[in-house]
Amino acid sequence: MSHFNQLGARHPRTDGQLKVTGKAVYGADICLPGMLYGACRYTDIPAGRIKRIDISQAQAIEGVERVVLFDDIPGNPCVGFPISDYYPLVKDEVFFSGDVVALVAAATAEIAARAVDCIRIEYEPYTPITDVAEALKPEARRIHPERDDNIVAQHHTQKGDIRRGFLDADHVIERSYRVGFQEHAYIEPECLLAWTDPLSGQLTLSGSVQNPHKVRNTVAGYLGVHQSQVVVQRAVMGAPSAEKMTSSITWPVGWACSPN
């Protein structure tokens, strides 16, 4: 039982020295030969219907390799947890201000950013639903038109008999408690790189990935391929490195997509 001698002892972080010395390699530090940069064209409105998308100006910019729209998705266009109701690339309905209408792949990040600004979108705007109580009313507009209501998901859990538990308890303490909201925040530049093996055609992803198994499942379904064709290699996560140390690793020729 020698492993119990680790309890209560101080242990250095395995990645601590690399991070504080600036030698840790994050996703944004990696530069692949001949890679492309991706940028997102976000919606201009919080709710509505897309009537027309004009990508001609973006396509005409030198250095733009591809503009991707909903119809270019080869697999399942809808993802999400706990239910699959999120469109990474919207089809025709705008659900919220963070929706992405198009993606641009270009020779540089600057070109990609300039190209997404040239994409013109014509909308039929809806009045956004911004109040939970209003969204739950029977007459409220359905955020997802195919749904019967605006409830995301329902889950009922029952375990034991709470009334019997109080009756049988030796002591019952009743208090009012208030718990503050807390949200984690990554402080390295979020980045995801992707490249394909020229022999097997296997897709490899590396970068700011928290749950590699869910990422592999989602990407495989989105691309319409088997999970065995997708490999996820999570990069270092946490604080950004002070210097780039990409010369110490070797990466295959490929391309990268990084948020705008």
Protein backbone atom coordinates (compact mmCIF):
# COMPACT_ATOMS: atom_id res chain seq x y z
CA MET A 1 0.00 0.00 0.00
CA SER A 2 2.94 2.29 -0.61
CA HIS A 3 0.88 4.55 -2.87
CA PHE A 4 -0.90 5.95 0.19
CA ASN A 5 2.29 7.78 1.18
CA GLN A 6 1.36 10.36 -1.48
CA LEU A 7 -1.60 11.59 0.57
CA GLY A 8 -0.98 14.92 2.27
CA ALA A 9 2.34 15.43 0.47
CA ARG A 10 3.16 18.39 -1.78
CA HIS A 11 3.72 17.52 -5.43
CA PRO A 12 4.88 19.88 -8.18
CA ARG A 13 2.63 20.27 -11.21
CA THR A 14 3.90 18.17 -14.07
CA ASP A 15 3.43 21.11 -16.44
CA GLY A 16 4.33 23.88 -14.01
CA GLN A 17 7.97 24.42 -14.96
CA LEU A 18 7.25 24.51 -18.69
CA LYS A 19 4.50 27.08 -18.19
CA VAL A 20 6.36 29.46 -15.91
CA THR A 21 9.50 29.35 -18.10
CA GLY A 22 7.53 29.96 -21.29
CA LYS A 23 8.55 26.67 -22.88
CA ALA A 24 5.10 25.09 -22.95
CA VAL A 25 3.74 24.73 -26.48
CA TYR A 26 0.11 25.80 -26.79
CA GLY A 27 -2.13 25.37 -29.78
CA ALA A 28 -1.64 28.99 -30.85
CA ASP A 29 2.14 28.45 -30.77
CA ILE A 30 2.09 25.73 -33.42
CA CYS A 31 2.70 26.69 -37.03
CA LEU A 32 2.25 24.04 -39.70
CA PRO A 33 3.94 24.36 -43.12
CA GLY A 34 1.50 25.74 -45.67
CA MET A 35 -1.39 25.91 -43.23
CA LEU A 36 -4.55 27.92 -43.76
CA TYR A 37 -6.27 30.10 -41.18
CA GLY A 38 -9.97 30.02 -40.42
CA ALA A 39 -12.34 32.79 -39.39
CA CYS A 40 -16.05 32.80 -38.56
CA ARG A 41 -18.74 35.04 -40.04
CA TYR A 42 -21.09 35.63 -37.12
CA THR A 43 -24.70 36.67 -37.49
CA ASP A 44 -25.65 40.34 -37.31
CA ILE A 45 -28.92 39.77 -35.44
CA PRO A 46 -29.93 37.72 -32.38
CA ALA A 47 -32.96 36.04 -33.99
CA GLY A 48 -34.40 35.72 -37.46
CA ARG A 49 -34.35 33.89 -40.74
CA ILE A 50 -31.60 34.05 -43.35
CA LYS A 51 -33.02 34.99 -46.72
CA ARG A 52 -29.82 35.33 -48.75
CA ILE A 53 -26.05 35.00 -48.34
CA ASP A 54 -23.64 36.67 -50.76
CA ILE A 55 -20.07 35.33 -50.56
CA SER A 56 -18.88 36.64 -53.92
CA GLN A 57 -16.78 39.50 -52.50
CA ALA A 58 -15.11 37.21 -49.99
CA GLN A 59 -14.29 34.61 -52.63
CA ALA A 60 -12.72 37.28 -54.83
CA ILE A 61 -10.10 38.28 -52.23
CA GLU A 62 -6.63 36.99 -53.06
CA GLY A 63 -5.53 34.39 -50.54
CA VAL A 64 -9.02 33.07 -49.78
CA GLU A 65 -9.07 29.34 -50.42
CA ARG A 66 -12.61 28.43 -49.43
CA VAL A 67 -15.85 29.82 -48.04
CA VAL A 68 -17.91 27.17 -46.27
CA LEU A 69 -21.69 27.30 -45.77
CA PHE A 70 -24.31 24.98 -44.29
CA ASP A 71 -24.78 23.03 -47.52
CA ASP A 72 -21.09 22.06 -47.45
CA ILE A 73 -21.48 19.97 -44.27
CA PRO A 74 -20.97 16.30 -45.26
CA GLY A 75 -22.40 14.70 -42.09
CA ASN A 76 -24.90 15.47 -39.33
CA PRO A 77 -25.22 19.29 -39.17
CA CYS A 78 -26.70 19.27 -35.67
CA VAL A 79 -24.69 18.65 -32.50
CA GLY A 80 -25.03 19.33 -28.78
CA PHE A 81 -25.44 18.02 -25.24
CA PRO A 82 -27.66 16.87 -23.60
CA ILE A 83 -29.77 17.01 -26.75
CA SER A 84 -28.62 17.57 -30.31
CA ASP A 85 -30.13 20.94 -31.22
CA TYR A 86 -27.14 23.19 -32.02
CA TYR A 87 -26.05 24.06 -35.55
CA PRO A 88 -22.35 25.05 -35.64
CA LEU A 89 -23.16 26.46 -39.08
CA VAL A 90 -26.71 27.76 -39.23
CA LYS A 91 -29.03 26.64 -41.99
CA ASP A 92 -31.67 29.33 -42.24
CA GLU A 93 -32.75 30.12 -38.68
CA VAL A 94 -30.71 32.43 -36.44
CA PHE A 95 -31.07 31.40 -32.80
CA PHE A 96 -28.67 33.74 -30.97
CA SER A 97 -26.03 36.41 -31.56
CA GLY A 98 -23.16 33.90 -31.45
CA ASP A 99 -24.44 31.87 -34.40
CA VAL A 100 -21.98 31.30 -37.23
CA VAL A 101 -23.25 31.70 -40.79
CA ALA A 102 -20.07 30.95 -42.75
CA LEU A 103 -16.41 29.97 -42.38
CA VAL A 104 -13.48 31.28 -44.39
CA ALA A 105 -10.17 29.47 -44.91
CA ALA A 106 -7.37 31.74 -46.14
CA ALA A 107 -3.60 32.02 -46.43
CA THR A 108 -3.31 34.36 -43.42
CA ALA A 109 -5.41 35.22 -40.39
CA GLU A 110 -5.69 38.82 -41.63
CA ILE A 111 -7.06 37.76 -45.00
CA ALA A 112 -9.56 35.42 -43.37
CA ALA A 113 -10.77 38.19 -41.03
CA ARG A 114 -11.12 40.63 -43.92
CA ALA A 115 -13.02 38.08 -46.00
CA VAL A 116 -15.66 37.35 -43.37
CA ASP A 117 -16.39 41.08 -43.18
CA CYS A 118 -17.16 41.01 -46.91
CA ILE A 119 -19.88 38.35 -46.61
CA ARG A 120 -23.28 40.00 -47.02
CA ILE A 121 -26.37 38.50 -45.38
CA GLU A 122 -30.02 39.43 -45.86
CA TYR A 123 -32.29 38.62 -42.92
CA GLU A 124 -35.91 38.52 -41.89
CA PRO A 125 -35.42 39.56 -38.24
CA TYR A 126 -37.51 38.16 -35.38
CA THR A 127 -38.17 39.74 -32.02
CA PRO A 128 -35.62 38.04 -29.76
CA ILE A 129 -36.78 36.12 -26.71
CA THR A 130 -34.71 37.39 -23.78
CA ASP A 131 -36.78 36.35 -20.75
CA VAL A 132 -37.11 32.78 -19.48
CA ALA A 133 -40.64 33.31 -18.17
CA GLU A 134 -41.75 34.73 -21.53
CA ALA A 135 -40.09 31.85 -23.38
CA LEU A 136 -42.08 29.29 -21.36
CA LYS A 137 -45.48 30.79 -22.19
CA PRO A 138 -47.59 28.61 -24.53
CA GLU A 139 -47.98 31.47 -27.01
CA ALA A 140 -44.23 32.24 -27.18
CA ARG A 141 -42.46 31.91 -30.52
CA ARG A 142 -40.74 28.55 -30.81
CA ILE A 143 -36.99 29.13 -30.90
CA HIS A 144 -36.73 25.81 -32.72
CA PRO A 145 -39.80 25.78 -35.00
CA GLU A 146 -40.00 21.97 -35.02
CA ARG A 147 -40.36 21.81 -31.22
CA ASP A 148 -43.61 21.90 -29.25
CA ASP A 149 -42.18 24.28 -26.64
CA ASN A 150 -39.01 26.12 -25.65
CA ILE A 151 -37.94 23.69 -22.93
CA VAL A 152 -34.43 22.45 -23.73
CA ALA A 153 -34.67 19.17 -21.83
CA GLN A 154 -36.53 17.60 -18.94
CA HIS A 155 -34.97 15.19 -16.49
CA HIS A 156 -36.56 13.80 -13.34
CA THR A 157 -34.51 12.05 -10.68
CA GLN A 158 -36.03 10.40 -7.64
CA LYS A 159 -34.00 8.57 -5.03
CA GLY A 160 -35.27 7.45 -1.66
CA ASP A 161 -38.09 8.86 0.45
CA ILE A 162 -37.20 12.36 1.67
CA ARG A 163 -40.24 12.57 3.95
CA ARG A 164 -39.29 9.35 5.68
CA GLY A 165 -35.72 10.56 5.90
CA PHE A 166 -36.76 13.68 7.84
CA LEU A 167 -39.01 11.67 10.12
CA ASP A 168 -36.29 9.15 10.95
CA ALA A 169 -33.49 11.74 11.36
CA ASP A 170 -32.11 12.43 14.82
CA HIS A 171 -31.60 16.09 13.93
CA VAL A 172 -33.05 18.29 11.20
CA ILE A 173 -31.26 21.57 10.51
CA GLU A 174 -33.02 24.09 8.31
CA ARG A 175 -31.17 27.10 6.95
CA SER A 176 -31.25 29.36 3.91
CA TYR A 177 -28.13 29.14 1.77
CA ARG A 178 -26.97 31.27 -1.13
CA VAL A 179 -24.37 29.92 -3.55
CA GLY A 180 -22.52 32.27 -5.88
CA PHE A 181 -22.11 31.68 -9.60
CA GLN A 182 -18.70 30.50 -10.75
CA GLU A 183 -17.35 29.99 -14.26
CA HIS A 184 -13.97 28.74 -15.36
CA ALA A 185 -11.95 30.77 -17.85
CA TYR A 186 -9.06 29.57 -19.97
CA ILE A 187 -6.37 32.19 -20.29
CA GLU A 188 -4.49 30.81 -23.27
CA PRO A 189 -5.55 31.88 -26.78
CA GLU A 190 -8.13 29.33 -27.91
CA CYS A 191 -6.99 27.57 -31.04
CA LEU A 192 -7.66 24.35 -32.92
CA LEU A 193 -5.45 22.88 -35.62
CA ALA A 194 -6.44 20.13 -38.03
CA TRP A 195 -4.51 18.14 -40.60
CA THR A 196 -5.01 14.94 -42.54
CA ASP A 197 -2.59 12.05 -42.93
CA PRO A 198 -1.68 11.89 -46.65
CA LEU A 199 -1.67 8.08 -46.56
CA SER A 200 -4.56 7.05 -44.31
CA GLY A 201 -6.69 10.16 -44.70
CA GLN A 202 -7.03 10.22 -40.91
CA LEU A 203 -7.92 13.62 -39.47
CA THR A 204 -5.91 14.83 -36.46
CA LEU A 205 -7.05 17.68 -34.22
CA SER A 206 -4.86 19.48 -31.70
CA GLY A 207 -5.37 22.57 -29.59
CA SER A 208 -7.65 23.88 -26.83
CA VAL A 209 -9.60 20.68 -26.22
CA GLN A 210 -11.14 19.92 -22.83
CA ASN A 211 -12.92 16.63 -23.58
CA PRO A 212 -11.19 14.73 -26.41
CA HIS A 213 -13.73 11.89 -26.50
CA LYS A 214 -16.73 14.18 -27.03
CA VAL A 215 -14.78 16.22 -29.57
CA ARG A 216 -13.93 13.10 -31.58
CA ASN A 217 -17.52 11.89 -31.51
CA THR A 218 -18.91 15.29 -32.53
CA VAL A 219 -16.37 15.91 -35.31
CA ALA A 220 -16.78 12.41 -36.74
CA GLY A 221 -20.55 12.79 -36.89
CA TYR A 222 -20.30 16.29 -38.37
CA LEU A 223 -17.97 15.06 -41.12
CA GLY A 224 -19.88 11.83 -41.68
CA VAL A 225 -16.91 9.56 -40.96
CA HIS A 226 -16.18 6.80 -38.46
CA GLN A 227 -14.63 7.80 -35.14
CA SER A 228 -11.54 5.76 -36.01
CA GLN A 229 -10.80 8.36 -38.70
CA VAL A 230 -10.51 11.17 -36.14
CA VAL A 231 -7.61 11.56 -33.69
CA VAL A 232 -7.63 14.21 -30.96
CA GLN A 233 -4.33 15.32 -29.43
CA ARG A 234 -5.02 17.88 -26.72
CA ALA A 235 -2.41 20.64 -26.53
CA VAL A 236 -1.23 22.33 -23.34
CA MET A 237 -4.03 24.22 -21.61
CA GLY A 238 -3.79 27.13 -19.16
CA ALA A 239 -1.79 30.35 -19.21
CA PRO A 240 -0.26 31.44 -22.55
CA SER A 241 3.43 30.83 -23.06
CA ALA A 242 5.83 33.78 -23.01
CA GLU A 243 7.69 32.60 -26.08
CA LYS A 244 7.11 30.29 -28.98
CA MET A 245 9.01 27.02 -28.91
CA THR A 246 7.68 25.32 -32.04
CA SER A 247 11.10 24.34 -33.32
CA SER A 248 11.34 21.51 -30.80
CA ILE A 249 8.43 19.54 -32.30
CA THR A 250 7.70 18.21 -35.77
CA TRP A 251 4.27 18.51 -37.36
CA PRO A 252 3.10 17.17 -40.73
CA VAL A 253 2.03 19.40 -43.57
CA GLY A 254 -1.59 20.43 -43.08
CA TRP A 255 -3.84 23.31 -42.30
CA ALA A 256 -5.22 25.02 -39.24
CA CYS A 257 -8.42 26.72 -38.21
CA SER A 258 -8.23 29.37 -35.53
CA PRO A 259 -11.09 31.52 -34.19
CA ASN A 260 -11.38 34.99 -35.69
